[in-house]
């Protein structure tokens, strides 16, 4: 069976000036302005959108090596810039249009690093789909196995 992998990542990245676009009001000494980012005690900053794009790029390389077809839903495809925080509605419309034309099984992966306060792993599926459930269980099991902490 032939697959199309659809890779989506949430939130913006880092623009050409080095600013994290999902955290426009960031104040270094004010944790209330740390939106979609996490600052570790040692000062290391994790920007969710930047992290999401790095995971996307890693997955993209794997799919290319395996000869898979793929669709990327973020701003560089839609608007020509990868750092933009592409609205979810725009990404979903783009994805749905792609799926309508596809003759193959489509597997969508939306990456969200939850740097803004979430913890653990979450895997969601298309409602009432046994195919989605099987892929989600496989994905969740392997995330937990390979990234236990």
C-alpha atoms as a PDB file:
ATOM      1  CA  UNK A   1       0.000   0.000   0.000  1.00  0.00           C
ATOM      2  CA  UNK A   2       1.285   3.477  -0.856  1.00  0.00           C
ATOM      3  CA  UNK A   3       1.286   6.182   1.823  1.00  0.00           C
ATOM      4  CA  UNK A   4       1.379   9.954   1.815  1.00  0.00           C
ATOM      5  CA  UNK A   5       2.786  11.481   4.972  1.00  0.00           C
ATOM      6  CA  UNK A   6       1.425  14.877   5.917  1.00  0.00           C
ATOM      7  CA  UNK A   7       3.678  16.728   8.339  1.00  0.00           C
ATOM      8  CA  UNK A   8       2.316  19.739  10.196  1.00  0.00           C
ATOM      9  CA  UNK A   9       3.920  21.658  13.011  1.00  0.00           C
ATOM     10  CA  UNK A  10       2.299  24.165  15.286  1.00  0.00           C
ATOM     11  CA  UNK A  11       3.336  27.704  16.135  1.00  0.00           C
ATOM     12  CA  UNK A  12       5.853  30.000  14.578  1.00  0.00           C
ATOM     13  CA  UNK A  13       9.585  29.717  14.247  1.00  0.00           C
ATOM     14  CA  UNK A  14      12.434  32.177  14.485  1.00  0.00           C
ATOM     15  CA  UNK A  15      12.376  34.988  11.935  1.00  0.00           C
ATOM     16  CA  UNK A  16      15.324  36.413   9.983  1.00  0.00           C
ATOM     17  CA  UNK A  17      16.055  38.890  12.803  1.00  0.00           C
ATOM     18  CA  UNK A  18      16.280  36.106  15.405  1.00  0.00           C
ATOM     19  CA  UNK A  19      12.898  36.800  17.002  1.00  0.00           C
ATOM     20  CA  UNK A  20      10.554  34.010  18.010  1.00  0.00           C
ATOM     21  CA  UNK A  21       7.316  34.955  16.264  1.00  0.00           C
ATOM     22  CA  UNK A  22       5.012  33.050  18.643  1.00  0.00           C
ATOM     23  CA  UNK A  23       6.327  35.087  21.557  1.00  0.00           C
ATOM     24  CA  UNK A  24       6.199  38.700  20.296  1.00  0.00           C
ATOM     25  CA  UNK A  25       5.906  40.340  23.747  1.00  0.00           C
ATOM     26  CA  UNK A  26       8.771  38.410  25.354  1.00  0.00           C
ATOM     27  CA  UNK A  27      10.465  40.145  28.274  1.00  0.00           C
ATOM     28  CA  UNK A  28      13.542  38.292  29.533  1.00  0.00           C
ATOM     29  CA  UNK A  29      12.763  38.868  33.215  1.00  0.00           C
ATOM     30  CA  UNK A  30       9.005  38.305  33.013  1.00  0.00           C
ATOM     31  CA  UNK A  31       7.938  34.615  32.829  1.00  0.00           C
ATOM     32  CA  UNK A  32       4.336  35.728  32.139  1.00  0.00           C
ATOM     33  CA  UNK A  33       5.494  36.695  28.633  1.00  0.00           C
ATOM     34  CA  UNK A  34       7.046  33.273  27.872  1.00  0.00           C
ATOM     35  CA  UNK A  35       4.381  32.224  25.372  1.00  0.00           C
ATOM     36  CA  UNK A  36       5.003  28.891  23.625  1.00  0.00           C
ATOM     37  CA  UNK A  37       8.518  28.747  24.990  1.00  0.00           C
ATOM     38  CA  UNK A  38      10.191  27.299  28.035  1.00  0.00           C
ATOM     39  CA  UNK A  39      13.213  28.646  29.879  1.00  0.00           C
ATOM     40  CA  UNK A  40      15.184  26.053  31.849  1.00  0.00           C
ATOM     41  CA  UNK A  41      16.831  26.946  35.160  1.00  0.00           C
ATOM     42  CA  UNK A  42      20.228  27.056  33.411  1.00  0.00           C
ATOM     43  CA  UNK A  43      18.864  29.645  30.935  1.00  0.00           C
ATOM     44  CA  UNK A  44      18.407  27.281  27.987  1.00  0.00           C
ATOM     45  CA  UNK A  45      15.371  28.410  25.982  1.00  0.00           C
ATOM     46  CA  UNK A  46      13.191  25.984  24.055  1.00  0.00           C
ATOM     47  CA  UNK A  47      10.925  27.628  21.497  1.00  0.00           C
ATOM     48  CA  UNK A  48       8.029  25.337  20.658  1.00  0.00           C
ATOM     49  CA  UNK A  49       7.674  26.351  17.018  1.00  0.00           C
ATOM     50  CA  UNK A  50      11.433  26.048  16.421  1.00  0.00           C
ATOM     51  CA  UNK A  51      11.495  22.639  18.133  1.00  0.00           C
ATOM     52  CA  UNK A  52       8.501  21.520  16.067  1.00  0.00           C
ATOM     53  CA  UNK A  53      10.277  22.491  12.831  1.00  0.00           C
ATOM     54  CA  UNK A  54      13.404  20.558  13.823  1.00  0.00           C
ATOM     55  CA  UNK A  55      11.319  17.433  14.465  1.00  0.00           C
ATOM     56  CA  UNK A  56       9.517  18.018  11.148  1.00  0.00           C
ATOM     57  CA  UNK A  57      12.816  18.298   9.285  1.00  0.00           C
ATOM     58  CA  UNK A  58      14.085  15.100  10.923  1.00  0.00           C
ATOM     59  CA  UNK A  59      10.932  13.201   9.908  1.00  0.00           C
ATOM     60  CA  UNK A  60      11.096  14.717   6.432  1.00  0.00           C
ATOM     61  CA  UNK A  61      14.637  13.336   5.953  1.00  0.00           C
ATOM     62  CA  UNK A  62      13.507   9.852   6.991  1.00  0.00           C
ATOM     63  CA  UNK A  63      10.557   9.915   4.582  1.00  0.00           C
ATOM     64  CA  UNK A  64      12.718  11.154   1.698  1.00  0.00           C
ATOM     65  CA  UNK A  65      15.266   8.384   2.324  1.00  0.00           C
ATOM     66  CA  UNK A  66      12.466   5.811   2.234  1.00  0.00           C
ATOM     67  CA  UNK A  67      11.027   7.261  -0.950  1.00  0.00           C
ATOM     68  CA  UNK A  68       7.767   8.372   0.644  1.00  0.00           C
ATOM     69  CA  UNK A  69       5.476  11.052  -0.664  1.00  0.00           C
ATOM     70  CA  UNK A  70       4.750  13.872   1.710  1.00  0.00           C
ATOM     71  CA  UNK A  71       3.047  17.195   2.214  1.00  0.00           C
ATOM     72  CA  UNK A  72       4.225  19.944   4.525  1.00  0.00           C
ATOM     73  CA  UNK A  73       1.424  22.244   5.687  1.00  0.00           C
ATOM     74  CA  UNK A  74       3.294  25.161   7.206  1.00  0.00           C
ATOM     75  CA  UNK A  75       3.992  28.672   6.055  1.00  0.00           C
ATOM     76  CA  UNK A  76       6.908  28.002   3.727  1.00  0.00           C
ATOM     77  CA  UNK A  77       4.541  25.985   1.566  1.00  0.00           C
ATOM     78  CA  UNK A  78       1.606  28.377   1.862  1.00  0.00           C
ATOM     79  CA  UNK A  79       3.319  31.757   2.143  1.00  0.00           C
ATOM     80  CA  UNK A  80       6.990  31.259   1.274  1.00  0.00           C
ATOM     81  CA  UNK A  81       8.321  31.822   4.825  1.00  0.00           C
ATOM     82  CA  UNK A  82       8.959  28.987   7.268  1.00  0.00           C
ATOM     83  CA  UNK A  83       8.957  31.021  10.478  1.00  0.00           C
ATOM     84  CA  UNK A  84       5.403  32.341  10.203  1.00  0.00           C
ATOM     85  CA  UNK A  85       2.800  31.001  12.626  1.00  0.00           C
ATOM     86  CA  UNK A  86       0.413  29.674   9.981  1.00  0.00           C
ATOM     87  CA  UNK A  87      -3.174  29.647  11.271  1.00  0.00           C
ATOM     88  CA  UNK A  88      -4.555  26.180  11.934  1.00  0.00           C
ATOM     89  CA  UNK A  89      -7.569  26.841   9.681  1.00  0.00           C
ATOM     90  CA  UNK A  90      -5.241  27.584   6.727  1.00  0.00           C
ATOM     91  CA  UNK A  91      -3.212  24.437   7.381  1.00  0.00           C
ATOM     92  CA  UNK A  92      -6.366  22.286   7.600  1.00  0.00           C
ATOM     93  CA  UNK A  93      -7.779  23.694   4.326  1.00  0.00           C
ATOM     94  CA  UNK A  94      -4.451  22.989   2.595  1.00  0.00           C
ATOM     95  CA  UNK A  95      -4.377  19.457   4.028  1.00  0.00           C
ATOM     96  CA  UNK A  96      -7.998  18.701   3.101  1.00  0.00           C
ATOM     97  CA  UNK A  97      -7.473  19.873  -0.479  1.00  0.00           C
ATOM     98  CA  UNK A  98      -4.436  17.602  -0.758  1.00  0.00           C
ATOM     99  CA  UNK A  99      -6.296  14.600   0.667  1.00  0.00           C
ATOM    100  CA  UNK A 100      -9.218  15.068  -1.761  1.00  0.00           C
ATOM    101  CA  UNK A 101      -6.826  14.628  -4.696  1.00  0.00           C
ATOM    102  CA  UNK A 102      -4.855  11.746  -3.160  1.00  0.00           C
ATOM    103  CA  UNK A 103      -5.275   8.154  -4.284  1.00  0.00           C
ATOM    104  CA  UNK A 104      -3.327   6.755  -1.338  1.00  0.00           C
ATOM    105  CA  UNK A 105      -3.587   6.322   2.408  1.00  0.00           C
ATOM    106  CA  UNK A 106      -2.763   9.650   4.069  1.00  0.00           C
ATOM    107  CA  UNK A 107      -1.037   9.682   7.439  1.00  0.00           C
ATOM    108  CA  UNK A 108      -1.014  13.093   9.092  1.00  0.00           C
ATOM    109  CA  UNK A 109       1.363  14.040  11.872  1.00  0.00           C
ATOM    110  CA  UNK A 110       0.981  17.384  13.618  1.00  0.00           C
ATOM    111  CA  UNK A 111       3.904  18.223  15.875  1.00  0.00           C
ATOM    112  CA  UNK A 112       3.477  20.314  19.014  1.00  0.00           C
ATOM    113  CA  UNK A 113       6.304  20.405  21.557  1.00  0.00           C
ATOM    114  CA  UNK A 114       4.133  21.869  24.360  1.00  0.00           C
ATOM    115  CA  UNK A 115       6.895  24.216  25.516  1.00  0.00           C
ATOM    116  CA  UNK A 116       4.292  26.580  26.910  1.00  0.00           C
ATOM    117  CA  UNK A 117       3.475  24.354  29.869  1.00  0.00           C
ATOM    118  CA  UNK A 118       2.249  21.008  28.593  1.00  0.00           C
ATOM    119  CA  UNK A 119       3.938  17.803  29.624  1.00  0.00           C
ATOM    120  CA  UNK A 120       4.202  14.246  28.370  1.00  0.00           C
ATOM    121  CA  UNK A 121       3.088  12.860  25.031  1.00  0.00           C
ATOM    122  CA  UNK A 122      -0.306  13.141  23.410  1.00  0.00           C
ATOM    123  CA  UNK A 123      -1.582  11.307  20.376  1.00  0.00           C
ATOM    124  CA  UNK A 124      -4.971  12.111  18.861  1.00  0.00           C
ATOM    125  CA  UNK A 125      -6.758  10.344  16.036  1.00  0.00           C
ATOM    126  CA  UNK A 126      -9.556  10.825  13.599  1.00  0.00           C
ATOM    127  CA  UNK A 127     -12.761   9.962  15.440  1.00  0.00           C
ATOM    128  CA  UNK A 128     -14.086   6.390  15.018  1.00  0.00           C
ATOM    129  CA  UNK A 129     -11.262   5.267  12.726  1.00  0.00           C
ATOM    130  CA  UNK A 130      -9.705   1.906  13.519  1.00  0.00           C
ATOM    131  CA  UNK A 131      -6.927   2.618  10.995  1.00  0.00           C
ATOM    132  CA  UNK A 132      -6.075   5.906  12.735  1.00  0.00           C
ATOM    133  CA  UNK A 133      -6.215   4.234  16.121  1.00  0.00           C
ATOM    134  CA  UNK A 134      -3.735   1.547  15.060  1.00  0.00           C
ATOM    135  CA  UNK A 135      -1.231   4.082  13.710  1.00  0.00           C
ATOM    136  CA  UNK A 136      -1.670   6.292  16.772  1.00  0.00           C
ATOM    137  CA  UNK A 137      -1.042   3.401  19.156  1.00  0.00           C
ATOM    138  CA  UNK A 138       2.093   2.435  17.223  1.00  0.00           C
ATOM    139  CA  UNK A 139       3.303   6.054  17.210  1.00  0.00           C
ATOM    140  CA  UNK A 140       2.607   6.583  20.925  1.00  0.00           C
ATOM    141  CA  UNK A 141       4.315   3.323  21.892  1.00  0.00           C
ATOM    142  CA  UNK A 142       7.445   4.221  19.942  1.00  0.00           C
ATOM    143  CA  UNK A 143       7.589   7.778  21.253  1.00  0.00           C
ATOM    144  CA  UNK A 144       7.397   6.464  24.811  1.00  0.00           C
ATOM    145  CA  UNK A 145       9.999   3.768  24.100  1.00  0.00           C
ATOM    146  CA  UNK A 146      12.481   6.140  22.447  1.00  0.00           C
ATOM    147  CA  UNK A 147      11.820   9.229  24.563  1.00  0.00           C
ATOM    148  CA  UNK A 148      10.850   7.900  28.017  1.00  0.00           C
ATOM    149  CA  UNK A 149      11.607  11.111  29.946  1.00  0.00           C
END
